[in-house]
Amino acid sequence: MLKRARDLHFAGQSELADGKLTTAEATFRAALAEWDKIVPKPAERAYTLHELGRCLKAQSRWDDAMMCLREALAIHRSSGPDNAANTATTLYTLSRCLMKKDSWSEAA
C-alpha cells in the first residue's frame, strides 16, 4: 500500500506538471485512498493533499483546493517544527487561494 500510494503521488505530480489536471486529480485521489488504508495515516499523506490542492487551484476550484490545503496544513503542523518548510509552502498556496476568493483578511 505504501509503495502504491507513493507511486500514485509521483504519477499525479507528473500529470500536474504536464497540465493534465483532470487526470492528475483522479491520480491524487487514488493516492489518498491508498494512504487512507494505512494505519496510522502517514504524514506523507499531507504531501498528496497539498498537490491535490494545487491541482484544484489550477482549475479555479478554490473551495475544494482550500479544503485539501487546510487538511495538509493540519498534518504538517502536527508533525512538529522539523516540518516548517512544508508548513510554509502549504500556507503560501492556501493564501493564494484565499486572495483569489477576495478573502484578504484571512489570507494575511
PDB file of N, CA and C in Angstrom:
ATOM      1  N   MET A   1       0.811  -1.190   0.000  1.00  0.00           N
ATOM      2  CA  MET A   1       0.000   0.000   0.000  1.00  0.00           C
ATOM      3  C   MET A   1       0.861   1.263   0.000  1.00  0.00           C
ATOM      4  N   LEU A   2       1.917   1.250   0.791  1.00  0.00           N
ATOM      5  CA  LEU A   2       2.783   2.422   0.877  1.00  0.00           C
ATOM      6  C   LEU A   2       3.431   2.716  -0.470  1.00  0.00           C
ATOM      7  N   LYS A   3       3.976   1.689  -1.101  1.00  0.00           N
ATOM      8  CA  LYS A   3       4.612   1.879  -2.410  1.00  0.00           C
ATOM      9  C   LYS A   3       3.595   2.347  -3.437  1.00  0.00           C
ATOM     10  N   ARG A   4       2.412   1.766  -3.410  1.00  0.00           N
ATOM     11  CA  ARG A   4       1.355   2.157  -4.359  1.00  0.00           C
ATOM     12  C   ARG A   4       0.959   3.620  -4.148  1.00  0.00           C
ATOM     13  N   ALA A   5       0.809   4.030  -2.891  1.00  0.00           N
ATOM     14  CA  ALA A   5       0.454   5.424  -2.596  1.00  0.00           C
ATOM     15  C   ALA A   5       1.534   6.374  -3.117  1.00  0.00           C
ATOM     16  N   ARG A   6       2.785   6.030  -2.863  1.00  0.00           N
ATOM     17  CA  ARG A   6       3.889   6.877  -3.335  1.00  0.00           C
ATOM     18  C   ARG A   6       3.945   6.926  -4.854  1.00  0.00           C
ATOM     19  N   ASP A   7       3.788   5.772  -5.497  1.00  0.00           N
ATOM     20  CA  ASP A   7       3.814   5.719  -6.960  1.00  0.00           C
ATOM     21  C   ASP A   7       2.705   6.579  -7.556  1.00  0.00           C
ATOM     22  N   LEU A   8       1.514   6.487  -6.979  1.00  0.00           N
ATOM     23  CA  LEU A   8       0.397   7.301  -7.464  1.00  0.00           C
ATOM     24  C   LEU A   8       0.664   8.788  -7.237  1.00  0.00           C
ATOM     25  N   HIS A   9       1.224   9.112  -6.087  1.00  0.00           N
ATOM     26  CA  HIS A   9       1.543  10.509  -5.795  1.00  0.00           C
ATOM     27  C   HIS A   9       2.492  11.071  -6.855  1.00  0.00           C
ATOM     28  N   PHE A  10       3.567  10.353  -7.142  1.00  0.00           N
ATOM     29  CA  PHE A  10       4.551  10.821  -8.118  1.00  0.00           C
ATOM     30  C   PHE A  10       3.963  10.873  -9.529  1.00  0.00           C
ATOM     31  N   ALA A  11       3.088   9.919  -9.850  1.00  0.00           N
ATOM     32  CA  ALA A  11       2.420   9.952 -11.160  1.00  0.00           C
ATOM     33  C   ALA A  11       1.531  11.196 -11.262  1.00  0.00           C
ATOM     34  N   GLY A  12       0.827  11.502 -10.174  1.00  0.00           N
ATOM     35  CA  GLY A  12      -0.016  12.695 -10.154  1.00  0.00           C
ATOM     36  C   GLY A  12       0.790  13.964 -10.332  1.00  0.00           C
ATOM     37  N   GLN A  13       1.962  14.019  -9.708  1.00  0.00           N
ATOM     38  CA  GLN A  13       2.831  15.195  -9.868  1.00  0.00           C
ATOM     39  C   GLN A  13       3.248  15.367 -11.330  1.00  0.00           C
ATOM     40  N   SER A  14       3.565  14.266 -11.974  1.00  0.00           N
ATOM     41  CA  SER A  14       3.962  14.314 -13.381  1.00  0.00           C
ATOM     42  C   SER A  14       2.801  14.796 -14.258  1.00  0.00           C
ATOM     43  N   GLU A  15       1.620  14.271 -13.983  1.00  0.00           N
ATOM     44  CA  GLU A  15       0.434  14.679 -14.747  1.00  0.00           C
ATOM     45  C   GLU A  15       0.129  16.160 -14.514  1.00  0.00           C
ATOM     46  N   LEU A  16       0.265  16.611 -13.282  1.00  0.00           N
ATOM     47  CA  LEU A  16       0.038  18.019 -12.962  1.00  0.00           C
ATOM     48  C   LEU A  16       1.031  18.902 -13.713  1.00  0.00           C
ATOM     49  N   ALA A  17       2.284  18.499 -13.721  1.00  0.00           N
ATOM     50  CA  ALA A  17       3.319  19.261 -14.426  1.00  0.00           C
ATOM     51  C   ALA A  17       3.047  19.323 -15.927  1.00  0.00           C
ATOM     52  N   ASP A  18       2.431  18.268 -16.456  1.00  0.00           N
ATOM     53  CA  ASP A  18       2.098  18.221 -17.884  1.00  0.00           C
ATOM     54  C   ASP A  18       0.784  18.932 -18.199  1.00  0.00           C
ATOM     55  N   GLY A  19       0.125  19.477 -17.172  1.00  0.00           N
ATOM     56  CA  GLY A  19      -1.136  20.188 -17.388  1.00  0.00           C
ATOM     57  C   GLY A  19      -2.347  19.298 -17.545  1.00  0.00           C
ATOM     58  N   LYS A  20      -2.209  18.023 -17.210  1.00  0.00           N
ATOM     59  CA  LYS A  20      -3.324  17.069 -17.297  1.00  0.00           C
ATOM     60  C   LYS A  20      -4.091  17.103 -15.982  1.00  0.00           C
ATOM     61  N   LEU A  21      -4.840  18.180 -15.772  1.00  0.00           N
ATOM     62  CA  LEU A  21      -5.435  18.446 -14.476  1.00  0.00           C
ATOM     63  C   LEU A  21      -6.479  17.423 -14.048  1.00  0.00           C
ATOM     64  N   THR A  22      -7.337  17.017 -14.959  1.00  0.00           N
ATOM     65  CA  THR A  22      -8.373  16.043 -14.611  1.00  0.00           C
ATOM     66  C   THR A  22      -7.757  14.690 -14.257  1.00  0.00           C
ATOM     67  N   THR A  23      -6.782  14.282 -15.044  1.00  0.00           N
ATOM     68  CA  THR A  23      -6.098  13.021 -14.787  1.00  0.00           C
ATOM     69  C   THR A  23      -5.304  13.102 -13.481  1.00  0.00           C
ATOM     70  N   ALA A  24      -4.622  14.212 -13.267  1.00  0.00           N
ATOM     71  CA  ALA A  24      -3.841  14.387 -12.039  1.00  0.00           C
ATOM     72  C   ALA A  24      -4.750  14.344 -10.817  1.00  0.00           C
ATOM     73  N   GLU A  25      -5.892  15.006 -10.897  1.00  0.00           N
ATOM     74  CA  GLU A  25      -6.825  14.989  -9.767  1.00  0.00           C
ATOM     75  C   GLU A  25      -7.244  13.561  -9.424  1.00  0.00           C
ATOM     76  N   ALA A  26      -7.596  12.783 -10.426  1.00  0.00           N
ATOM     77  CA  ALA A  26      -8.008  11.395 -10.193  1.00  0.00           C
ATOM     78  C   ALA A  26      -6.865  10.576  -9.594  1.00  0.00           C
ATOM     79  N   THR A  27      -5.654  10.820 -10.068  1.00  0.00           N
ATOM     80  CA  THR A  27      -4.498  10.083  -9.562  1.00  0.00           C
ATOM     81  C   THR A  27      -4.201  10.451  -8.112  1.00  0.00           C
ATOM     82  N   PHE A  28      -4.258  11.743  -7.789  1.00  0.00           N
ATOM     83  CA  PHE A  28      -4.046  12.163  -6.403  1.00  0.00           C
ATOM     84  C   PHE A  28      -5.128  11.584  -5.483  1.00  0.00           C
ATOM     85  N   ARG A  29      -6.359  11.554  -5.958  1.00  0.00           N
ATOM     86  CA  ARG A  29      -7.446  10.984  -5.139  1.00  0.00           C
ATOM     87  C   ARG A  29      -7.231   9.479  -4.920  1.00  0.00           C
ATOM     88  N   ALA A  30      -6.721   8.802  -5.936  1.00  0.00           N
ATOM     89  CA  ALA A  30      -6.404   7.376  -5.790  1.00  0.00           C
ATOM     90  C   ALA A  30      -5.263   7.186  -4.784  1.00  0.00           C
ATOM     91  N   ALA A  31      -4.282   8.078  -4.818  1.00  0.00           N
ATOM     92  CA  ALA A  31      -3.183   8.013  -3.853  1.00  0.00           C
ATOM     93  C   ALA A  31      -3.709   8.222  -2.432  1.00  0.00           C
ATOM     94  N   LEU A  32      -4.615   9.182  -2.263  1.00  0.00           N
ATOM     95  CA  LEU A  32      -5.202   9.412  -0.935  1.00  0.00           C
ATOM     96  C   LEU A  32      -5.949   8.183  -0.437  1.00  0.00           C
ATOM     97  N   ALA A  33      -6.641   7.509  -1.342  1.00  0.00           N
ATOM     98  CA  ALA A  33      -7.355   6.282  -0.957  1.00  0.00           C
ATOM     99  C   ALA A  33      -6.370   5.227  -0.458  1.00  0.00           C
ATOM    100  N   GLU A  34      -5.199   5.165  -1.084  1.00  0.00           N
ATOM    101  CA  GLU A  34      -4.169   4.227  -0.627  1.00  0.00           C
ATOM    102  C   GLU A  34      -3.607   4.656   0.727  1.00  0.00           C
ATOM    103  N   TRP A  35      -3.336   5.961   0.893  1.00  0.00           N
ATOM    104  CA  TRP A  35      -2.832   6.452   2.182  1.00  0.00           C
ATOM    105  C   TRP A  35      -3.834   6.124   3.286  1.00  0.00           C
ATOM    106  N   ASP A  36      -5.123   6.242   2.976  1.00  0.00           N
ATOM    107  CA  ASP A  36      -6.160   6.025   3.989  1.00  0.00           C
ATOM    108  C   ASP A  36      -6.250   4.567   4.449  1.00  0.00           C
ATOM    109  N   LYS A  37      -5.682   3.650   3.695  1.00  0.00           N
ATOM    110  CA  LYS A  37      -5.673   2.235   4.089  1.00  0.00           C
ATOM    111  C   LYS A  37      -4.590   1.937   5.124  1.00  0.00           C
ATOM    112  N   ILE A  38      -3.658   2.863   5.287  1.00  0.00           N
ATOM    113  CA  ILE A  38      -2.525   2.662   6.186  1.00  0.00           C
ATOM    114  C   ILE A  38      -2.861   3.250   7.551  1.00  0.00           C
ATOM    115  N   VAL A  39      -2.664   2.454   8.592  1.00  0.00           N
ATOM    116  CA  VAL A  39      -2.932   2.907   9.962  1.00  0.00           C
ATOM    117  C   VAL A  39      -1.647   2.782  10.763  1.00  0.00           C
ATOM    118  N   PRO A  40      -1.218   3.818  11.471  1.00  0.00           N
ATOM    119  CA  PRO A  40      -1.800   5.157  11.419  1.00  0.00           C
ATOM    120  C   PRO A  40      -1.475   5.831  10.096  1.00  0.00           C
ATOM    121  N   LYS A  41      -2.280   6.825   9.752  1.00  0.00           N
ATOM    122  CA  LYS A  41      -2.072   7.523   8.487  1.00  0.00           C
ATOM    123  C   LYS A  41      -0.702   8.206   8.506  1.00  0.00           C
ATOM    124  N   PRO A  42       0.102   7.972   7.489  1.00  0.00           N
ATOM    125  CA  PRO A  42       1.435   8.580   7.453  1.00  0.00           C
ATOM    126  C   PRO A  42       1.371  10.080   7.157  1.00  0.00           C
ATOM    127  N   ALA A  43       2.350  10.801   7.665  1.00  0.00           N
ATOM    128  CA  ALA A  43       2.437  12.247   7.418  1.00  0.00           C
ATOM    129  C   ALA A  43       2.603  12.550   5.934  1.00  0.00           C
ATOM    130  N   GLU A  44       3.111  11.580   5.191  1.00  0.00           N
ATOM    131  CA  GLU A  44       3.280  11.762   3.744  1.00  0.00           C
ATOM    132  C   GLU A  44       1.959  12.065   3.044  1.00  0.00           C
ATOM    133  N   ARG A  45       0.864  11.672   3.667  1.00  0.00           N
ATOM    134  CA  ARG A  45      -0.463  11.952   3.111  1.00  0.00           C
ATOM    135  C   ARG A  45      -0.635  13.449   2.883  1.00  0.00           C
ATOM    136  N   ALA A  46      -0.007  14.264   3.734  1.00  0.00           N
ATOM    137  CA  ALA A  46      -0.104  15.720   3.598  1.00  0.00           C
ATOM    138  C   ALA A  46       0.467  16.200   2.270  1.00  0.00           C
ATOM    139  N   TYR A  47       1.517  15.558   1.782  1.00  0.00           N
ATOM    140  CA  TYR A  47       2.109  15.970   0.507  1.00  0.00           C
ATOM    141  C   TYR A  47       1.117  15.757  -0.633  1.00  0.00           C
ATOM    142  N   THR A  48       0.406  14.640  -0.590  1.00  0.00           N
ATOM    143  CA  THR A  48      -0.590  14.367  -1.621  1.00  0.00           C
ATOM    144  C   THR A  48      -1.747  15.344  -1.515  1.00  0.00           C
ATOM    145  N   LEU A  49      -2.180  15.646  -0.290  1.00  0.00           N
ATOM    146  CA  LEU A  49      -3.239  16.642  -0.112  1.00  0.00           C
ATOM    147  C   LEU A  49      -2.807  18.001  -0.656  1.00  0.00           C
ATOM    148  N   HIS A  50      -1.558  18.370  -0.402  1.00  0.00           N
ATOM    149  CA  HIS A  50      -1.044  19.644  -0.909  1.00  0.00           C
ATOM    150  C   HIS A  50      -1.062  19.659  -2.435  1.00  0.00           C
ATOM    151  N   GLU A  51      -0.592  18.595  -3.047  1.00  0.00           N
ATOM    152  CA  GLU A  51      -0.549  18.531  -4.511  1.00  0.00           C
ATOM    153  C   GLU A  51      -1.957  18.516  -5.104  1.00  0.00           C
ATOM    154  N   LEU A  52      -2.882  17.805  -4.465  1.00  0.00           N
ATOM    155  CA  LEU A  52      -4.272  17.826  -4.924  1.00  0.00           C
ATOM    156  C   LEU A  52      -4.822  19.247  -4.808  1.00  0.00           C
ATOM    157  N   GLY A  53      -4.491  19.927  -3.721  1.00  0.00           N
ATOM    158  CA  GLY A  53      -4.900  21.321  -3.567  1.00  0.00           C
ATOM    159  C   GLY A  53      -4.367  22.195  -4.687  1.00  0.00           C
ATOM    160  N   ARG A  54      -3.123  22.003  -5.055  1.00  0.00           N
ATOM    161  CA  ARG A  54      -2.534  22.758  -6.174  1.00  0.00           C
ATOM    162  C   ARG A  54      -3.261  22.464  -7.480  1.00  0.00           C
ATOM    163  N   CYS A  55      -3.599  21.197  -7.672  1.00  0.00           N
ATOM    164  CA  CYS A  55      -4.308  20.774  -8.878  1.00  0.00           C
ATOM    165  C   CYS A  55      -5.692  21.436  -8.945  1.00  0.00           C
ATOM    166  N   LEU A  56      -6.392  21.435  -7.833  1.00  0.00           N
ATOM    167  CA  LEU A  56      -7.716  22.046  -7.784  1.00  0.00           C
ATOM    168  C   LEU A  56      -7.626  23.568  -7.935  1.00  0.00           C
ATOM    169  N   LYS A  57      -6.583  24.154  -7.374  1.00  0.00           N
ATOM    170  CA  LYS A  57      -6.336  25.597  -7.523  1.00  0.00           C
ATOM    171  C   LYS A  57      -6.148  25.935  -8.997  1.00  0.00           C
ATOM    172  N   ALA A  58      -5.406  25.107  -9.706  1.00  0.00           N
ATOM    173  CA  ALA A  58      -5.165  25.331 -11.130  1.00  0.00           C
ATOM    174  C   ALA A  58      -6.459  25.269 -11.937  1.00  0.00           C
ATOM    175  N   GLN A  59      -7.470  24.602 -11.380  1.00  0.00           N
ATOM    176  CA  GLN A  59      -8.781  24.504 -12.028  1.00  0.00           C
ATOM    177  C   GLN A  59      -9.737  25.586 -11.510  1.00  0.00           C
ATOM    178  N   SER A  60      -9.216  26.516 -10.706  1.00  0.00           N
ATOM    179  CA  SER A  60     -10.019  27.582 -10.083  1.00  0.00           C
ATOM    180  C   SER A  60     -11.124  27.033  -9.184  1.00  0.00           C
ATOM    181  N   ARG A  61     -10.884  25.883  -8.605  1.00  0.00           N
ATOM    182  CA  ARG A  61     -11.831  25.276  -7.661  1.00  0.00           C
ATOM    183  C   ARG A  61     -11.354  25.613  -6.251  1.00  0.00           C
ATOM    184  N   TRP A  62     -11.502  26.876  -5.910  1.00  0.00           N
ATOM    185  CA  TRP A  62     -10.914  27.442  -4.702  1.00  0.00           C
ATOM    186  C   TRP A  62     -11.346  26.739  -3.432  1.00  0.00           C
ATOM    187  N   ASP A  63     -12.643  26.513  -3.260  1.00  0.00           N
ATOM    188  CA  ASP A  63     -13.126  25.900  -2.015  1.00  0.00           C
ATOM    189  C   ASP A  63     -12.583  24.482  -1.838  1.00  0.00           C
ATOM    190  N   ASP A  64     -12.597  23.704  -2.917  1.00  0.00           N
ATOM    191  CA  ASP A  64     -12.067  22.341  -2.848  1.00  0.00           C
ATOM    192  C   ASP A  64     -10.563  22.368  -2.562  1.00  0.00           C
ATOM    193  N   ALA A  65      -9.868  23.288  -3.218  1.00  0.00           N
ATOM    194  CA  ALA A  65      -8.429  23.407  -3.007  1.00  0.00           C
ATOM    195  C   ALA A  65      -8.126  23.764  -1.559  1.00  0.00           C
ATOM    196  N   MET A  66      -8.869  24.725  -1.028  1.00  0.00           N
ATOM    197  CA  MET A  66      -8.620  25.165   0.345  1.00  0.00           C
ATOM    198  C   MET A  66      -8.911  24.063   1.357  1.00  0.00           C
ATOM    199  N   MET A  67      -9.897  23.235   1.094  1.00  0.00           N
ATOM    200  CA  MET A  67     -10.192  22.129   1.995  1.00  0.00           C
ATOM    201  C   MET A  67      -8.996  21.167   2.059  1.00  0.00           C
ATOM    202  N   CYS A  68      -8.438  20.825   0.917  1.00  0.00           N
ATOM    203  CA  CYS A  68      -7.264  19.945   0.877  1.00  0.00           C
ATOM    204  C   CYS A  68      -6.059  20.595   1.546  1.00  0.00           C
ATOM    205  N   LEU A  69      -5.838  21.859   1.251  1.00  0.00           N
ATOM    206  CA  LEU A  69      -4.683  22.563   1.797  1.00  0.00           C
ATOM    207  C   LEU A  69      -4.785  22.724   3.307  1.00  0.00           C
ATOM    208  N   ARG A  70      -5.977  22.980   3.806  1.00  0.00           N
ATOM    209  CA  ARG A  70      -6.150  23.097   5.261  1.00  0.00           C
ATOM    210  C   ARG A  70      -5.889  21.770   5.962  1.00  0.00           C
ATOM    211  N   GLU A  71      -6.323  20.682   5.338  1.00  0.00           N
ATOM    212  CA  GLU A  71      -6.054  19.367   5.928  1.00  0.00           C
ATOM    213  C   GLU A  71      -4.554  19.067   5.902  1.00  0.00           C
ATOM    214  N   ALA A  72      -3.898  19.401   4.794  1.00  0.00           N
ATOM    215  CA  ALA A  72      -2.447  19.208   4.703  1.00  0.00           C
ATOM    216  C   ALA A  72      -1.736  20.057   5.754  1.00  0.00           C
ATOM    217  N   LEU A  73      -2.191  21.273   5.917  1.00  0.00           N
ATOM    218  CA  LEU A  73      -1.595  22.179   6.895  1.00  0.00           C
ATOM    219  C   LEU A  73      -1.707  21.626   8.314  1.00  0.00           C
ATOM    220  N   ALA A  74      -2.858  21.073   8.643  1.00  0.00           N
ATOM    221  CA  ALA A  74      -3.044  20.488   9.979  1.00  0.00           C
ATOM    222  C   ALA A  74      -2.069  19.342  10.215  1.00  0.00           C
ATOM    223  N   ILE A  75      -1.857  18.520   9.201  1.00  0.00           N
ATOM    224  CA  ILE A  75      -0.913  17.408   9.321  1.00  0.00           C
ATOM    225  C   ILE A  75       0.509  17.937   9.479  1.00  0.00           C
ATOM    226  N   HIS A  76       0.879  18.908   8.641  1.00  0.00           N
ATOM    227  CA  HIS A  76       2.225  19.489   8.736  1.00  0.00           C
ATOM    228  C   HIS A  76       2.466  20.073  10.128  1.00  0.00           C
ATOM    229  N   ARG A  77       1.495  20.823  10.617  1.00  0.00           N
ATOM    230  CA  ARG A  77       1.662  21.474  11.925  1.00  0.00           C
ATOM    231  C   ARG A  77       1.774  20.455  13.052  1.00  0.00           C
ATOM    232  N   SER A  78       1.053  19.354  12.932  1.00  0.00           N
ATOM    233  CA  SER A  78       1.118  18.333  13.982  1.00  0.00           C
ATOM    234  C   SER A  78       2.409  17.532  13.932  1.00  0.00           C
ATOM    235  N   SER A  79       3.146  17.668  12.839  1.00  0.00           N
ATOM    236  CA  SER A  79       4.407  16.930  12.677  1.00  0.00           C
ATOM    237  C   SER A  79       5.576  17.601  13.375  1.00  0.00           C
ATOM    238  N   GLY A  80       5.384  18.807  13.885  1.00  0.00           N
ATOM    239  CA  GLY A  80       6.424  19.471  14.652  1.00  0.00           C
ATOM    240  C   GLY A  80       7.252  20.451  13.859  1.00  0.00           C
ATOM    241  N   PRO A  81       8.210  21.087  14.529  1.00  0.00           N
ATOM    242  CA  PRO A  81       8.996  22.163  13.918  1.00  0.00           C
ATOM    243  C   PRO A  81       9.903  21.704  12.778  1.00  0.00           C
ATOM    244  N   ASP A  82      10.224  20.445  12.713  1.00  0.00           N
ATOM    245  CA  ASP A  82      11.072  19.963  11.618  1.00  0.00           C
ATOM    246  C   ASP A  82      10.363  20.058  10.270  1.00  0.00           C
ATOM    247  N   ASN A  83       9.070  20.306  10.311  1.00  0.00           N
ATOM    248  CA  ASN A  83       8.265  20.354   9.097  1.00  0.00           C
ATOM    249  C   ASN A  83       7.922  21.800   8.708  1.00  0.00           C
ATOM    250  N   ALA A  84       8.704  22.761   9.188  1.00  0.00           N
ATOM    251  CA  ALA A  84       8.400  24.182   8.973  1.00  0.00           C
ATOM    252  C   ALA A  84       8.366  24.566   7.493  1.00  0.00           C
ATOM    253  N   ALA A  85       9.253  24.023   6.691  1.00  0.00           N
ATOM    254  CA  ALA A  85       9.282  24.382   5.272  1.00  0.00           C
ATOM    255  C   ALA A  85       8.007  23.924   4.566  1.00  0.00           C
ATOM    256  N   ASN A  86       7.558  22.713   4.866  1.00  0.00           N
ATOM    257  CA  ASN A  86       6.320  22.229   4.250  1.00  0.00           C
ATOM    258  C   ASN A  86       5.116  23.021   4.740  1.00  0.00           C
ATOM    259  N   THR A  87       5.128  23.384   6.016  1.00  0.00           N
ATOM    260  CA  THR A  87       4.050  24.198   6.569  1.00  0.00           C
ATOM    261  C   THR A  87       4.001  25.538   5.838  1.00  0.00           C
ATOM    262  N   ALA A  88       5.154  26.161   5.640  1.00  0.00           N
ATOM    263  CA  ALA A  88       5.220  27.452   4.957  1.00  0.00           C
ATOM    264  C   ALA A  88       4.737  27.354   3.509  1.00  0.00           C
ATOM    265  N   THR A  89       5.141  26.313   2.824  1.00  0.00           N
ATOM    266  CA  THR A  89       4.735  26.133   1.424  1.00  0.00           C
ATOM    267  C   THR A  89       3.222  25.970   1.317  1.00  0.00           C
ATOM    268  N   THR A  90       2.649  25.181   2.207  1.00  0.00           N
ATOM    269  CA  THR A  90       1.207  24.974   2.182  1.00  0.00           C
ATOM    270  C   THR A  90       0.467  26.257   2.568  1.00  0.00           C
ATOM    271  N   LEU A  91       0.991  26.980   3.543  1.00  0.00           N
ATOM    272  CA  LEU A  91       0.384  28.262   3.912  1.00  0.00           C
ATOM    273  C   LEU A  91       0.393  29.234   2.730  1.00  0.00           C
ATOM    274  N   TYR A  92       1.484  29.272   2.006  1.00  0.00           N
ATOM    275  CA  TYR A  92       1.584  30.155   0.846  1.00  0.00           C
ATOM    276  C   TYR A  92       0.527  29.788  -0.201  1.00  0.00           C
ATOM    277  N   THR A  93       0.418  28.510  -0.514  1.00  0.00           N
ATOM    278  CA  THR A  93      -0.542  28.071  -1.522  1.00  0.00           C
ATOM    279  C   THR A  93      -1.969  28.366  -1.066  1.00  0.00           C
ATOM    280  N   LEU A  94      -2.238  28.130   0.214  1.00  0.00           N
ATOM    281  CA  LEU A  94      -3.558  28.432   0.766  1.00  0.00           C
ATOM    282  C   LEU A  94      -3.841  29.935   0.671  1.00  0.00           C
ATOM    283  N   SER A  95      -2.857  30.751   0.983  1.00  0.00           N
ATOM    284  CA  SER A  95      -3.068  32.202   0.922  1.00  0.00           C
ATOM    285  C   SER A  95      -3.365  32.666  -0.499  1.00  0.00           C
ATOM    286  N   ARG A  96      -2.763  32.040  -1.487  1.00  0.00           N
ATOM    287  CA  ARG A  96      -3.040  32.382  -2.888  1.00  0.00           C
ATOM    288  C   ARG A  96      -4.495  32.076  -3.235  1.00  0.00           C
ATOM    289  N   CYS A  97      -5.023  30.958  -2.735  1.00  0.00           N
ATOM    290  CA  CYS A  97      -6.438  30.635  -2.960  1.00  0.00           C
ATOM    291  C   CYS A  97      -7.341  31.659  -2.284  1.00  0.00           C
ATOM    292  N   LEU A  98      -7.002  32.014  -1.060  1.00  0.00           N
ATOM    293  CA  LEU A  98      -7.803  32.988  -0.317  1.00  0.00           C
ATOM    294  C   LEU A  98      -7.815  34.345  -1.030  1.00  0.00           C
ATOM    295  N   MET A  99      -6.690  34.745  -1.578  1.00  0.00           N
ATOM    296  CA  MET A  99      -6.641  36.013  -2.305  1.00  0.00           C
ATOM    297  C   MET A  99      -7.521  35.962  -3.555  1.00  0.00           C
ATOM    298  N   LYS A 100      -7.524  34.838  -4.239  1.00  0.00           N
ATOM    299  CA  LYS A 100      -8.368  34.691  -5.421  1.00  0.00           C
ATOM    300  C   LYS A 100      -9.849  34.789  -5.061  1.00  0.00           C
ATOM    301  N   LYS A 101     -10.183  34.407  -3.856  1.00  0.00           N
ATOM    302  CA  LYS A 101     -11.581  34.492  -3.389  1.00  0.00           C
ATOM    303  C   LYS A 101     -11.868  35.828  -2.704  1.00  0.00           C
ATOM    304  N   ASP A 102     -10.905  36.740  -2.748  1.00  0.00           N
ATOM    305  CA  ASP A 102     -11.024  38.050  -2.098  1.00  0.00           C
ATOM    306  C   ASP A 102     -11.209  37.930  -0.591  1.00  0.00           C
ATOM    307  N   SER A 103     -10.616  36.934   0.000  1.00  0.00           N
ATOM    308  CA  SER A 103     -10.626  36.756   1.455  1.00  0.00           C
ATOM    309  C   SER A 103      -9.312  37.305   2.001  1.00  0.00           C
ATOM    310  N   TRP A 104      -9.094  38.587   1.797  1.00  0.00           N
ATOM    311  CA  TRP A 104      -7.813  39.214   2.128  1.00  0.00           C
ATOM    312  C   TRP A 104      -7.473  39.127   3.602  1.00  0.00           C
ATOM    313  N   SER A 105      -8.446  39.323   4.475  1.00  0.00           N
ATOM    314  CA  SER A 105      -8.138  39.327   5.908  1.00  0.00           C
ATOM    315  C   SER A 105      -7.678  37.942   6.357  1.00  0.00           C
ATOM    316  N   GLU A 106      -8.275  36.902   5.814  1.00  0.00           N
ATOM    317  CA  GLU A 106      -7.868  35.544   6.187  1.00  0.00           C
ATOM    318  C   GLU A 106      -6.521  35.193   5.534  1.00  0.00           C
ATOM    319  N   ALA A 107      -6.281  35.702   4.340  1.00  0.00           N
ATOM    320  CA  ALA A 107      -5.016  35.424   3.640  1.00  0.00           C
ATOM    321  C   ALA A 107      -3.829  36.050   4.364  1.00  0.00           C
ATOM    322  N   ALA A 108      -4.067  37.171   5.012  1.00  0.00           N
ATOM    323  CA  ALA A 108      -2.991  37.849   5.735  1.00  0.00           C
ATOM    324  C   ALA A 108      -2.699  37.088   6.990  1.00  0.00           C
TER     325      ALA A 108
END
